[in-house]
Amino acid sequence: EGYELVVHPCDHRNINLAAELNRFTERLKLDGAVLLPPLSENAQLANIFTNASCQYVRIASVQLDKPAHLVQTYDRLGVNQIADHLVDLGHRQIGFIHGPKDSLSAMERYEGFKNALAAHNIKLSKKHVAWGAYTFESGAACAAQLLSNDDSRPTAIFASNDEMALGAMVAAATLNIGVPAQLSIAGFDDEPHASKIYPSLTTVNQNVRKIGQLAAEKLVALCKNDPGQAAQVQTVVMPSLISRASTSPVRT
């Protein structure tokens, strides 16, 4: 379409982020921007682009905007698929590694997973929930915490993203707990290394290429002053469960 792509990394915790993005937008005279989470969850940032006459599209796990300005990932469906998968394998004592407390996607994945287990009459116990930060290191620490109590040790752990799931796999190996023979582990995102490690990681693929394509199509339509066309572009992208070797039936 003749546009140049500029990638601008941002720290969403920066207290000066709004002013920084305002200067960035004005300096480059941007036609439009795609906001990725967690930035996309900030309504103030969307307003900054609007006030600067810069079109925008938000990628988010919840319905935060009008269809013309939104591509929504259906995180709750993804975690429902993970929950169903683990329950079908016979797991009832299931651990959960939460993402950052200030992340809407992390909360969506937690609420969705908890409710999916409840539909199977399984309560996600507080002692089986650990708070991570979407990092490898936090995943390892959280898994070590969940696995420290032999009396209530989970037979499966679902980490809210693949980075934390990989950390959980390392923690299990450090404790001489076999995956998946003694502990099933699942993640979320289907990052490239998820299929290359051993055992390969069961996870959820969000179809990120499709998400990016749809965001670009919406943004180009908006930049052509055609919000009606942008609204007609598909808004919700369905995830899919990728079952691999890191999960197996529970030992009885």
Protein backbone atom coordinates (compact mmCIF):
# COMPACT_ATOMS: atom_id res chain seq x y z
CA GLU A 1 0.00 0.00 0.00
CA GLY A 2 3.05 2.29 -0.12
CA TYR A 3 3.43 2.85 3.63
CA GLU A 4 6.67 2.56 5.60
CA LEU A 5 6.60 0.59 8.85
CA VAL A 6 8.24 2.16 11.91
CA VAL A 7 8.61 -0.04 15.01
CA HIS A 8 8.78 1.96 18.22
CA PRO A 9 9.49 -0.01 21.44
CA CYS A 10 7.79 1.39 24.54
CA ASP A 11 7.89 0.75 28.28
CA HIS A 12 4.26 0.71 29.35
CA ARG A 13 5.33 1.41 32.95
CA ASN A 14 7.03 4.68 31.99
CA ILE A 15 5.17 7.53 33.75
CA ASN A 16 6.09 9.83 30.85
CA LEU A 17 4.85 7.41 28.19
CA ALA A 18 1.89 9.54 27.06
CA ALA A 19 4.04 12.62 26.53
CA GLU A 20 6.74 10.56 24.80
CA LEU A 21 4.28 9.03 22.35
CA ASN A 22 2.72 12.42 21.71
CA ARG A 23 6.12 13.84 20.73
CA PHE A 24 6.93 10.74 18.67
CA THR A 25 3.67 10.99 16.72
CA GLU A 26 4.10 14.69 15.99
CA ARG A 27 7.80 14.35 15.06
CA LEU A 28 7.23 11.58 12.52
CA LYS A 29 3.83 12.88 11.40
CA LEU A 30 2.47 9.35 11.45
CA ASP A 31 -0.53 8.43 9.32
CA GLY A 32 -1.48 5.59 11.65
CA ALA A 33 -0.34 3.22 14.39
CA VAL A 34 -1.01 -0.31 15.59
CA LEU A 35 -1.04 -0.58 19.39
CA LEU A 36 -0.03 -3.93 20.86
CA PRO A 37 -0.82 -5.06 24.41
CA PRO A 38 -0.26 -3.89 27.05
CA LEU A 39 -0.11 -0.43 25.40
CA SER A 40 -3.38 -1.11 23.61
CA GLU A 41 -5.12 -1.44 26.98
CA ASN A 42 -4.42 2.23 27.76
CA ALA A 43 -7.36 4.43 26.67
CA GLN A 44 -5.26 7.59 27.13
CA LEU A 45 -2.87 6.49 24.40
CA ALA A 46 -5.71 5.92 21.95
CA ASN A 47 -6.91 9.45 22.69
CA ILE A 48 -3.43 10.84 22.00
CA PHE A 49 -3.47 9.41 18.49
CA THR A 50 -6.98 10.69 17.87
CA ASN A 51 -6.05 14.20 19.00
CA ALA A 52 -2.97 14.10 16.75
CA SER A 53 -5.15 13.15 13.72
CA CYS A 54 -3.29 9.83 13.60
CA GLN A 55 -5.38 6.74 12.88
CA TYR A 56 -4.92 3.73 15.16
CA VAL A 57 -5.88 0.08 15.60
CA ARG A 58 -5.68 -1.66 18.97
CA ILE A 59 -4.88 -5.36 19.38
CA ALA A 60 -6.39 -6.50 22.67
CA SER A 61 -7.87 -9.48 24.49
CA VAL A 62 -11.14 -7.68 25.30
CA GLN A 63 -13.52 -5.42 23.39
CA LEU A 64 -11.91 -2.06 24.17
CA ASP A 65 -12.95 -0.09 21.10
CA LYS A 66 -15.19 0.11 18.07
CA PRO A 67 -14.71 -2.65 15.45
CA ALA A 68 -12.96 -0.25 13.05
CA HIS A 69 -10.21 0.31 15.64
CA LEU A 70 -9.90 -3.17 17.12
CA VAL A 71 -8.57 -6.65 16.47
CA GLN A 72 -9.57 -8.86 19.40
CA THR A 73 -7.77 -12.00 20.48
CA TYR A 74 -10.18 -14.47 22.05
CA ASP A 75 -8.01 -15.42 25.03
CA ARG A 76 -10.85 -16.94 27.02
CA LEU A 77 -11.55 -19.49 24.30
CA GLY A 78 -7.88 -20.42 24.26
CA VAL A 79 -7.70 -21.07 28.00
CA ASN A 80 -10.99 -22.96 27.81
CA GLN A 81 -9.33 -25.29 25.32
CA ILE A 82 -6.33 -25.78 27.63
CA ALA A 83 -8.60 -26.46 30.63
CA ASP A 84 -10.69 -28.98 28.69
CA HIS A 85 -7.51 -30.67 27.43
CA LEU A 86 -6.04 -31.10 30.91
CA VAL A 87 -9.32 -32.32 32.40
CA ASP A 88 -9.77 -34.80 29.52
CA LEU A 89 -6.34 -36.17 30.43
CA GLY A 90 -7.62 -36.85 33.95
CA HIS A 91 -6.00 -33.94 35.80
CA ARG A 92 -7.87 -32.53 38.80
CA GLN A 93 -5.05 -30.96 40.83
CA ILE A 94 -4.04 -28.19 38.42
CA GLY A 95 -1.67 -25.30 39.08
CA PHE A 96 -1.90 -21.91 37.41
CA ILE A 97 0.86 -19.35 36.84
CA HIS A 98 -0.70 -15.89 36.55
CA GLY A 99 0.63 -13.06 34.41
CA PRO A 100 1.28 -9.47 35.60
CA LYS A 101 -1.40 -8.00 37.84
CA ASP A 102 -1.73 -4.89 35.66
CA SER A 103 -2.35 -6.85 32.44
CA LEU A 104 -5.86 -7.28 31.05
CA SER A 105 -4.77 -10.32 29.03
CA ALA A 106 -3.39 -11.94 32.18
CA MET A 107 -6.67 -11.36 33.99
CA GLU A 108 -8.66 -12.68 31.03
CA ARG A 109 -6.61 -15.86 30.98
CA TYR A 110 -6.99 -16.34 34.73
CA GLU A 111 -10.75 -15.73 34.81
CA GLY A 112 -11.29 -17.83 31.71
CA PHE A 113 -9.25 -20.74 33.06
CA LYS A 114 -10.88 -20.61 36.50
CA ASN A 115 -14.37 -20.56 34.99
CA ALA A 116 -13.55 -23.36 32.55
CA LEU A 117 -12.41 -25.57 35.42
CA ALA A 118 -15.53 -24.65 37.38
CA ALA A 119 -17.62 -25.91 34.46
CA HIS A 120 -15.99 -29.30 35.16
CA ASN A 121 -16.74 -28.94 38.90
CA ILE A 122 -13.07 -28.30 39.63
CA LYS A 123 -12.13 -25.39 41.88
CA LEU A 124 -8.86 -23.58 41.17
CA SER A 125 -7.46 -23.45 44.68
CA LYS A 126 -5.58 -20.33 45.84
CA LYS A 127 -2.68 -22.53 46.89
CA HIS A 128 -2.42 -23.65 43.26
CA VAL A 129 -2.12 -20.09 41.90
CA ALA A 130 1.23 -18.28 41.68
CA TRP A 131 1.81 -14.75 40.37
CA GLY A 132 4.34 -14.37 37.58
CA ALA A 133 5.46 -11.58 35.26
CA TYR A 134 5.33 -13.17 31.77
CA THR A 135 9.07 -13.90 32.11
CA PHE A 136 11.07 -17.13 32.06
CA GLU A 137 12.52 -16.40 35.51
CA SER A 138 9.13 -15.78 37.10
CA GLY A 139 7.79 -18.98 35.56
CA ALA A 140 10.60 -21.00 37.12
CA ALA A 141 10.08 -19.36 40.52
CA CYS A 142 6.30 -19.83 40.42
CA ALA A 143 6.57 -23.48 39.41
CA ALA A 144 9.06 -24.14 42.22
CA GLN A 145 6.54 -22.58 44.61
CA LEU A 146 3.66 -24.70 43.30
CA LEU A 147 5.73 -27.89 43.41
CA SER A 148 7.17 -27.32 46.89
CA ASN A 149 4.28 -28.93 48.79
CA ASP A 150 4.23 -32.68 48.28
CA ASP A 151 0.79 -33.03 49.90
CA SER A 152 -0.95 -30.75 47.39
CA ARG A 153 1.44 -30.84 44.46
CA PRO A 154 -0.41 -30.33 41.16
CA THR A 155 -0.26 -32.99 38.46
CA ALA A 156 -0.48 -30.29 35.78
CA ILE A 157 0.53 -26.63 35.51
CA PHE A 158 -0.85 -24.10 33.05
CA ALA A 159 1.35 -21.04 32.63
CA SER A 160 -0.25 -17.91 31.16
CA ASN A 161 2.41 -17.63 28.47
CA ASP A 162 5.09 -19.81 26.90
CA GLU A 163 8.02 -17.99 28.54
CA MET A 164 6.70 -18.89 31.99
CA ALA A 165 5.86 -22.42 30.85
CA LEU A 166 9.48 -22.91 29.78
CA GLY A 167 10.59 -21.67 33.17
CA ALA A 168 8.23 -24.18 34.77
CA MET A 169 9.80 -26.99 32.72
CA VAL A 170 13.26 -26.04 33.97
CA ALA A 171 12.00 -25.87 37.56
CA ALA A 172 10.52 -29.35 37.22
CA ALA A 173 13.78 -30.70 35.83
CA THR A 174 15.70 -29.13 38.73
CA LEU A 175 13.39 -30.94 41.15
CA ASN A 176 13.77 -34.23 39.22
CA ILE A 177 10.09 -34.18 38.28
CA GLY A 178 9.57 -35.75 34.88
CA VAL A 179 7.55 -33.90 32.22
CA PRO A 180 5.02 -35.17 31.24
CA ALA A 181 5.30 -38.50 33.15
CA GLN A 182 4.94 -36.84 36.57
CA LEU A 183 3.81 -33.33 35.63
CA SER A 184 2.02 -31.98 32.58
CA ILE A 185 2.86 -28.40 31.57
CA ALA A 186 1.03 -26.15 29.10
CA GLY A 187 1.61 -22.58 27.94
CA PHE A 188 -0.02 -19.92 25.81
CA ASP A 189 1.13 -18.06 22.63
CA ASP A 190 2.86 -20.84 20.62
CA GLU A 191 6.13 -18.96 20.38
CA PRO A 192 8.64 -20.41 17.87
CA HIS A 193 10.70 -22.27 20.49
CA ALA A 194 7.59 -24.01 21.91
CA SER A 195 7.81 -26.69 19.20
CA LYS A 196 11.62 -26.99 19.34
CA ILE A 197 12.25 -27.79 22.99
CA TYR A 198 12.03 -31.27 24.52
CA PRO A 199 9.41 -32.24 25.37
CA SER A 200 7.63 -29.95 22.93
CA LEU A 201 5.18 -27.61 24.63
CA THR A 202 1.40 -27.92 24.55
CA THR A 203 0.11 -24.39 24.05
CA VAL A 204 -2.41 -22.09 22.35
CA ASN A 205 -1.73 -20.56 18.96
CA GLN A 206 -3.29 -17.11 18.66
CA ASN A 207 -2.78 -16.88 14.88
CA VAL A 208 -0.61 -13.78 15.23
CA ARG A 209 0.04 -13.50 11.50
CA LYS A 210 -3.69 -13.24 10.90
CA ILE A 211 -3.98 -10.70 13.71
CA GLY A 212 -1.24 -8.56 12.18
CA GLN A 213 -2.76 -8.82 8.71
CA LEU A 214 -6.20 -7.74 9.92
CA ALA A 215 -4.76 -4.85 11.94
CA ALA A 216 -2.92 -3.62 8.85
CA GLU A 217 -6.04 -3.92 6.67
CA LYS A 218 -8.08 -1.93 9.18
CA LEU A 219 -5.39 0.72 9.53
CA VAL A 220 -4.98 1.20 5.77
CA ALA A 221 -8.75 1.61 5.41
CA LEU A 222 -8.77 4.19 8.21
CA CYS A 223 -5.89 6.08 6.63
CA LYS A 224 -7.98 6.23 3.45
CA ASN A 225 -10.79 7.78 5.49
CA ASP A 226 -12.97 4.70 5.11
CA PRO A 227 -13.98 3.66 8.66
CA GLY A 228 -16.87 1.66 7.23
CA GLN A 229 -14.45 -0.60 5.37
CA ALA A 230 -12.25 -0.89 8.47
CA ALA A 231 -15.26 -1.97 10.53
CA GLN A 232 -16.12 -4.67 7.97
CA VAL A 233 -12.68 -6.30 8.29
CA GLN A 234 -12.78 -9.31 10.62
CA THR A 235 -12.40 -8.19 14.24
CA VAL A 236 -12.19 -11.35 16.40
CA VAL A 237 -9.47 -13.96 15.76
CA MET A 238 -10.03 -17.44 17.16
CA PRO A 239 -7.13 -19.25 18.85
CA SER A 240 -6.43 -22.96 18.53
CA LEU A 241 -5.07 -25.58 20.90
CA ILE A 242 -1.73 -27.13 19.91
CA SER A 243 -1.37 -30.43 21.74
CA ARG A 244 2.24 -31.58 22.04
CA ALA A 245 4.41 -33.83 24.20
CA SER A 246 4.49 -31.81 27.45
CA THR A 247 1.02 -33.01 28.49
CA SER A 248 -0.15 -36.59 29.03
CA PRO A 249 -2.76 -38.55 31.01
CA VAL A 250 -2.40 -38.30 34.77
CA ARG A 251 -0.87 -41.26 36.55
CA THR A 252 -3.33 -43.06 38.82
